[in-house]
Amino acid sequence: MNILVTGSNGQLGSEIRELSLNYLYNFFFTDVNELDITNEDNIKKFVNEKDIDLIINCAAYTAVDKAEEEKEKANLINHKAVEYLSHVAKEKEIPLIHISTDYVFDGKNYKPYIEEDPVNPQGVYGLTKLKGEESFKASGASGIIIRTSWVYSYFGHNFVKTMLRLKDKNELGVVFDQVGTPTYAKDLAFVILEIIDKNLEKIKNKKAEIYHYSNEGVISWYDFAKAIFEIENINIKVNPIESKDYPTPAKRPHYSVLNKKKIKNEFNITIPYWRDSLKVCLQRINNG
């Protein structure tokens, strides 16, 4: 089977690339230099030439604050590119696995979000990601959408690496009134590859079905920072601050906990606890 992975230089794409060595498929790892997914003809040509059987779309415009200024760019990558990928997937009758986000919700819930909960994005990033989901659904292409949250990895830029970079400070303020669950990109990469390996027929028979995935547990960004420093034995005072004391151009959801029951039941997967995965990632970072 020939699998196209877009956005392969990002956190999730890089983890899939590393884990792909354990699977007997032909992977085509692309980023913007190898394949411009904002051009439908380019996608069609690539899929035809490489005889692609399945697409994993990890490409995204993820600069949440910058998206408020770069609306067109965010829309092109998070919405239009998904529309083009799903058009080609439908035409070629191949499944698409697309990654979306908790930012499609407004964060005003009081219990973990299920897939059917009403969406109400609060910023450009969330809105463009939602439009991407809707384009996939409208195309009639088969496959699945996986919404995830608070992604971090050994690769790329993320909260864990930012905290480690700030470890020489005496004290630090981190928001405590935004609650969610971190997602170790390697865990999500493994789940995607296992779903392909064991449930390919199932995803071929679905039409843009939505699933939620993050690690298990619930924490605030403040708790997350405390855990990073604790595991790493870094002596730094972390002060809890409110979101209003750390204003950002884009509004963040206050509550981003995702209910994972559906993905666990349908694909028979076990999800690691956030702290266990954090330890694994930190060890990887330390080992370089």
Protein backbone atom coordinates (compact mmCIF):
# COMPACT_ATOMS: atom_id res chain seq x y z
CA MET A 1 0.00 0.00 0.00
CA ASN A 2 1.23 3.47 -0.91
CA ILE A 3 0.54 6.08 1.76
CA LEU A 4 0.90 9.83 1.27
CA VAL A 5 1.72 11.80 4.43
CA THR A 6 1.41 15.59 4.11
CA GLY A 7 2.95 18.03 6.57
CA SER A 8 5.59 15.44 7.35
CA ASN A 9 8.06 17.91 8.86
CA GLY A 10 5.64 18.87 11.64
CA GLN A 11 5.35 17.23 15.05
CA LEU A 12 2.88 14.51 14.09
CA GLY A 13 4.29 13.93 10.60
CA SER A 14 7.80 13.52 12.02
CA GLU A 15 6.58 10.97 14.59
CA ILE A 16 4.73 9.02 11.86
CA ARG A 17 7.91 9.02 9.78
CA GLU A 18 9.89 7.53 12.67
CA LEU A 19 7.27 4.87 13.48
CA SER A 20 6.70 4.02 9.80
CA LEU A 21 9.80 1.81 9.85
CA ASN A 22 7.74 -0.73 11.81
CA TYR A 23 5.14 -1.07 9.02
CA LEU A 24 5.40 -2.77 5.65
CA TYR A 25 3.91 0.06 3.59
CA ASN A 26 5.42 2.49 1.10
CA PHE A 27 5.27 5.94 2.66
CA PHE A 28 5.64 9.17 0.72
CA PHE A 29 6.52 11.87 3.22
CA THR A 30 5.91 15.33 1.82
CA ASP A 31 6.00 18.90 2.98
CA VAL A 32 5.40 22.07 1.00
CA ASN A 33 8.67 21.61 -0.94
CA GLU A 34 7.68 18.15 -2.21
CA LEU A 35 3.96 18.76 -2.64
CA ASP A 36 1.94 21.97 -2.56
CA ILE A 37 -1.44 20.83 -1.23
CA THR A 38 -2.94 24.28 -1.85
CA ASN A 39 -3.01 23.31 -5.54
CA GLU A 40 -5.51 20.60 -6.46
CA ASP A 41 -3.79 19.71 -9.74
CA ASN A 42 -0.52 19.10 -7.89
CA ILE A 43 -2.25 16.71 -5.50
CA LYS A 44 -3.97 14.86 -8.36
CA LYS A 45 -0.70 14.51 -10.27
CA PHE A 46 1.19 13.22 -7.21
CA VAL A 47 -1.55 10.74 -6.26
CA ASN A 48 -1.71 9.41 -9.83
CA GLU A 49 2.06 9.18 -10.35
CA LYS A 50 2.74 7.46 -7.02
CA ASP A 51 -0.41 5.33 -7.17
CA ILE A 52 -1.45 6.48 -3.67
CA ASP A 53 -3.89 4.25 -1.74
CA LEU A 54 -4.42 6.40 1.35
CA ILE A 55 -3.70 9.97 2.51
CA ILE A 56 -2.81 11.13 6.03
CA ASN A 57 -3.11 14.90 6.22
CA CYS A 58 -0.90 16.26 9.02
CA ALA A 59 -0.40 19.62 7.30
CA ALA A 60 -1.85 22.60 9.17
CA TYR A 61 -1.38 26.26 9.85
CA THR A 62 -1.00 26.07 13.63
CA ALA A 63 0.24 29.55 14.63
CA VAL A 64 -2.94 30.35 16.56
CA ASP A 65 -2.17 34.03 17.27
CA LYS A 66 -0.58 34.76 13.90
CA ALA A 67 -3.68 33.35 12.19
CA GLU A 68 -5.62 36.39 13.41
CA GLU A 69 -3.47 38.48 11.02
CA GLU A 70 -2.77 35.88 8.32
CA LYS A 71 -6.39 34.89 7.78
CA GLU A 72 -5.98 34.02 4.10
CA LYS A 73 -2.91 31.86 4.64
CA ALA A 74 -4.55 30.00 7.53
CA ASN A 75 -7.68 29.46 5.43
CA LEU A 76 -5.68 28.21 2.47
CA ILE A 77 -3.88 25.51 4.47
CA ASN A 78 -6.53 24.56 7.04
CA HIS A 79 -9.58 24.78 4.80
CA LYS A 80 -8.92 24.93 1.04
CA ALA A 81 -6.10 22.35 1.04
CA VAL A 82 -8.37 19.90 2.91
CA GLU A 83 -11.07 20.57 0.33
CA TYR A 84 -8.62 19.74 -2.48
CA LEU A 85 -7.27 16.63 -0.74
CA SER A 86 -10.79 15.34 -0.12
CA HIS A 87 -11.82 16.03 -3.75
CA VAL A 88 -8.90 13.92 -4.98
CA ALA A 89 -9.56 11.23 -2.35
CA LYS A 90 -13.20 11.01 -3.46
CA GLU A 91 -12.30 10.94 -7.15
CA LYS A 92 -9.68 8.20 -6.66
CA GLU A 93 -11.83 6.35 -4.10
CA ILE A 94 -9.07 6.35 -1.48
CA PRO A 95 -9.54 7.11 2.24
CA LEU A 96 -8.31 10.30 3.90
CA ILE A 97 -7.24 10.59 7.53
CA HIS A 98 -7.38 14.25 8.53
CA ILE A 99 -6.20 15.84 11.79
CA SER A 100 -8.30 18.56 13.38
CA THR A 101 -8.41 20.36 16.72
CA ASP A 102 -10.21 21.08 20.01
CA TYR A 103 -10.31 24.75 18.87
CA VAL A 104 -13.49 24.01 16.89
CA PHE A 105 -15.24 24.29 20.30
CA ASP A 106 -15.70 27.48 22.33
CA GLY A 107 -14.32 25.95 25.54
CA LYS A 108 -17.43 26.70 27.60
CA ASN A 109 -18.29 23.07 28.35
CA TYR A 110 -18.23 21.57 31.82
CA LYS A 111 -17.77 17.94 30.75
CA PRO A 112 -15.49 16.34 28.13
CA TYR A 113 -16.53 17.14 24.57
CA ILE A 114 -18.05 14.34 22.54
CA GLU A 115 -17.84 14.33 18.75
CA GLU A 116 -21.46 15.46 18.31
CA ASP A 117 -21.24 18.50 20.60
CA PRO A 118 -22.05 21.85 18.95
CA VAL A 119 -19.01 23.60 17.45
CA ASN A 120 -18.33 27.30 17.96
CA PRO A 121 -14.75 28.33 17.16
CA GLN A 122 -13.56 31.54 18.82
CA GLY A 123 -10.75 32.54 16.45
CA VAL A 124 -9.43 32.29 12.90
CA TYR A 125 -7.44 29.11 13.55
CA GLY A 126 -10.43 27.21 14.95
CA LEU A 127 -12.74 28.55 12.24
CA THR A 128 -10.44 27.53 9.38
CA LYS A 129 -9.96 24.07 10.91
CA LEU A 130 -13.74 23.69 11.19
CA LYS A 131 -14.16 24.73 7.54
CA GLY A 132 -11.62 22.03 6.66
CA GLU A 133 -13.71 19.41 8.47
CA GLU A 134 -16.85 20.64 6.70
CA SER A 135 -15.18 20.50 3.27
CA PHE A 136 -14.11 16.92 3.90
CA LYS A 137 -17.66 15.98 4.92
CA ALA A 138 -19.19 17.78 1.91
CA SER A 139 -16.86 15.99 -0.53
CA GLY A 140 -18.33 12.56 0.22
CA ALA A 141 -14.80 11.11 0.49
CA SER A 142 -14.27 8.19 2.84
CA GLY A 143 -12.04 8.32 5.91
CA ILE A 144 -11.85 9.83 9.37
CA ILE A 145 -11.21 13.13 11.13
CA ILE A 146 -9.27 13.01 14.39
CA ARG A 147 -9.58 16.04 16.65
CA THR A 148 -6.73 16.41 19.11
CA SER A 149 -5.42 18.92 21.65
CA TRP A 150 -2.26 20.39 23.23
CA VAL A 151 0.13 18.50 20.94
CA TYR A 152 3.81 18.21 21.90
CA SER A 153 6.70 16.10 20.66
CA TYR A 154 10.45 15.59 20.51
CA PHE A 155 10.14 17.39 17.16
CA GLY A 156 9.15 20.97 16.38
CA HIS A 157 8.07 23.84 18.64
CA ASN A 158 5.76 23.12 21.55
CA PHE A 159 4.95 23.93 25.17
CA VAL A 160 7.28 21.30 26.64
CA LYS A 161 10.28 22.63 24.74
CA THR A 162 9.37 26.23 25.61
CA MET A 163 9.30 25.36 29.32
CA LEU A 164 12.68 23.63 29.08
CA ARG A 165 14.09 26.68 27.33
CA LEU A 166 12.92 28.88 30.23
CA LYS A 167 14.36 26.61 32.92
CA ASP A 168 17.06 29.11 33.98
CA LYS A 169 14.50 31.67 35.13
CA ASN A 170 13.85 32.03 38.86
CA GLU A 171 10.10 32.10 38.44
CA LEU A 172 7.49 31.84 35.74
CA GLY A 173 3.79 32.66 35.37
CA VAL A 174 1.62 30.05 33.63
CA VAL A 175 -2.16 30.14 33.11
CA PHE A 176 -4.19 27.91 35.39
CA ASP A 177 -7.69 28.65 34.08
CA GLN A 178 -7.30 26.83 30.75
CA VAL A 179 -7.95 23.14 31.25
CA GLY A 180 -7.40 20.27 28.84
CA THR A 181 -5.21 17.28 28.10
CA PRO A 182 -1.80 17.17 26.42
CA THR A 183 -1.28 14.85 23.46
CA TYR A 184 2.10 13.25 22.89
CA ALA A 185 2.34 13.25 19.07
CA LYS A 186 4.06 9.85 19.10
CA ASP A 187 1.01 8.27 20.79
CA LEU A 188 -1.31 9.77 18.17
CA ALA A 189 1.04 8.70 15.35
CA PHE A 190 0.98 5.13 16.69
CA VAL A 191 -2.84 5.13 16.87
CA ILE A 192 -3.13 6.37 13.26
CA LEU A 193 -0.77 3.67 11.97
CA GLU A 194 -2.51 0.96 14.02
CA ILE A 195 -5.93 2.02 12.71
CA ILE A 196 -4.59 1.73 9.14
CA ASP A 197 -2.97 -1.61 9.92
CA LYS A 198 -5.91 -3.25 11.67
CA ASN A 199 -9.03 -1.33 10.59
CA LEU A 200 -8.46 -0.25 7.00
CA GLU A 201 -11.78 -1.64 5.74
CA LYS A 202 -13.59 0.14 8.55
CA ILE A 203 -12.21 3.56 7.63
CA LYS A 204 -12.84 2.93 3.93
CA ASN A 205 -16.52 2.52 4.78
CA LYS A 206 -16.82 5.74 6.79
CA LYS A 207 -17.62 9.17 5.41
CA ALA A 208 -15.50 11.76 7.23
CA GLU A 209 -16.39 10.32 10.63
CA ILE A 210 -15.10 12.36 13.57
CA TYR A 211 -13.13 10.96 16.53
CA HIS A 212 -11.46 12.61 19.53
CA TYR A 213 -7.96 11.73 20.70
CA SER A 214 -5.67 13.08 23.40
CA ASN A 215 -3.82 11.40 26.24
CA GLU A 216 -5.82 10.45 29.36
CA GLY A 217 -6.33 12.78 32.32
CA VAL A 218 -7.17 16.46 32.84
CA ILE A 219 -4.81 19.32 33.76
CA SER A 220 -4.21 23.05 33.35
CA TRP A 221 -1.21 24.58 31.58
CA TYR A 222 0.05 25.47 35.06
CA ASP A 223 -0.09 21.79 36.12
CA PHE A 224 1.63 20.82 32.88
CA ALA A 225 4.51 23.24 33.50
CA LYS A 226 4.84 22.06 37.13
CA ALA A 227 5.01 18.43 35.98
CA ILE A 228 7.72 19.17 33.37
CA PHE A 229 9.96 20.87 35.95
CA GLU A 230 9.25 18.23 38.60
CA ILE A 231 10.13 15.29 36.34
CA GLU A 232 13.28 17.11 35.18
CA ASN A 233 14.28 18.12 38.74
CA ILE A 234 14.37 21.78 37.73
CA ASN A 235 14.05 24.19 40.61
CA ILE A 236 11.85 27.01 39.37
CA LYS A 237 8.89 28.75 40.98
CA VAL A 238 5.79 28.45 38.80
CA ASN A 239 3.06 30.97 39.58
CA PRO A 240 -0.54 30.35 38.53
CA ILE A 241 -1.93 33.27 36.52
CA GLU A 242 -5.29 33.96 34.89
CA SER A 243 -5.74 34.16 31.13
CA LYS A 244 -6.67 37.84 31.45
CA ASP A 245 -3.18 38.48 32.90
CA TYR A 246 -1.60 36.94 29.81
CA PRO A 247 -3.55 38.43 26.90
CA THR A 248 -3.06 36.89 23.45
CA PRO A 249 -4.39 37.99 20.01
CA ALA A 250 -6.44 34.77 19.74
CA LYS A 251 -8.86 33.66 22.43
CA ARG A 252 -8.03 30.25 23.94
CA PRO A 253 -10.74 27.77 24.99
CA HIS A 254 -10.98 27.60 28.80
CA TYR A 255 -12.06 23.97 28.69
CA SER A 256 -10.60 21.62 26.08
CA VAL A 257 -11.09 18.14 27.50
CA LEU A 258 -12.02 15.61 24.81
CA ASN A 259 -14.06 12.46 25.41
CA LYS A 260 -12.15 9.54 23.79
CA LYS A 261 -14.71 6.80 24.37
CA LYS A 262 -15.65 6.50 20.69
CA ILE A 263 -12.13 6.01 19.30
CA LYS A 264 -11.25 3.59 22.12
CA ASN A 265 -14.34 1.45 21.59
CA GLU A 266 -14.42 1.40 17.79
CA PHE A 267 -10.73 0.76 17.22
CA ASN A 268 -9.97 -1.12 20.43
CA ILE A 269 -7.11 1.14 21.51
CA THR A 270 -5.59 1.92 24.89
CA ILE A 271 -4.58 5.52 25.54
CA PRO A 272 -1.63 6.34 27.83
CA TYR A 273 -1.96 8.70 30.80
CA TRP A 274 -0.58 12.17 30.02
CA ARG A 275 2.13 12.11 32.70
CA ASP A 276 3.50 8.73 31.57
CA SER A 277 3.78 9.99 27.99
CA LEU A 278 5.39 13.23 29.17
CA LYS A 279 8.11 11.21 30.92
CA VAL A 280 8.75 9.24 27.72
CA CYS A 281 9.04 12.44 25.66
CA LEU A 282 11.33 14.16 28.18
CA GLN A 283 13.61 11.14 28.19
CA ARG A 284 13.76 11.29 24.41
CA ILE A 285 14.60 15.02 24.49
CA ASN A 286 17.32 14.41 27.09
CA ASN A 287 18.85 11.63 24.98
CA GLY A 288 18.89 13.98 21.99
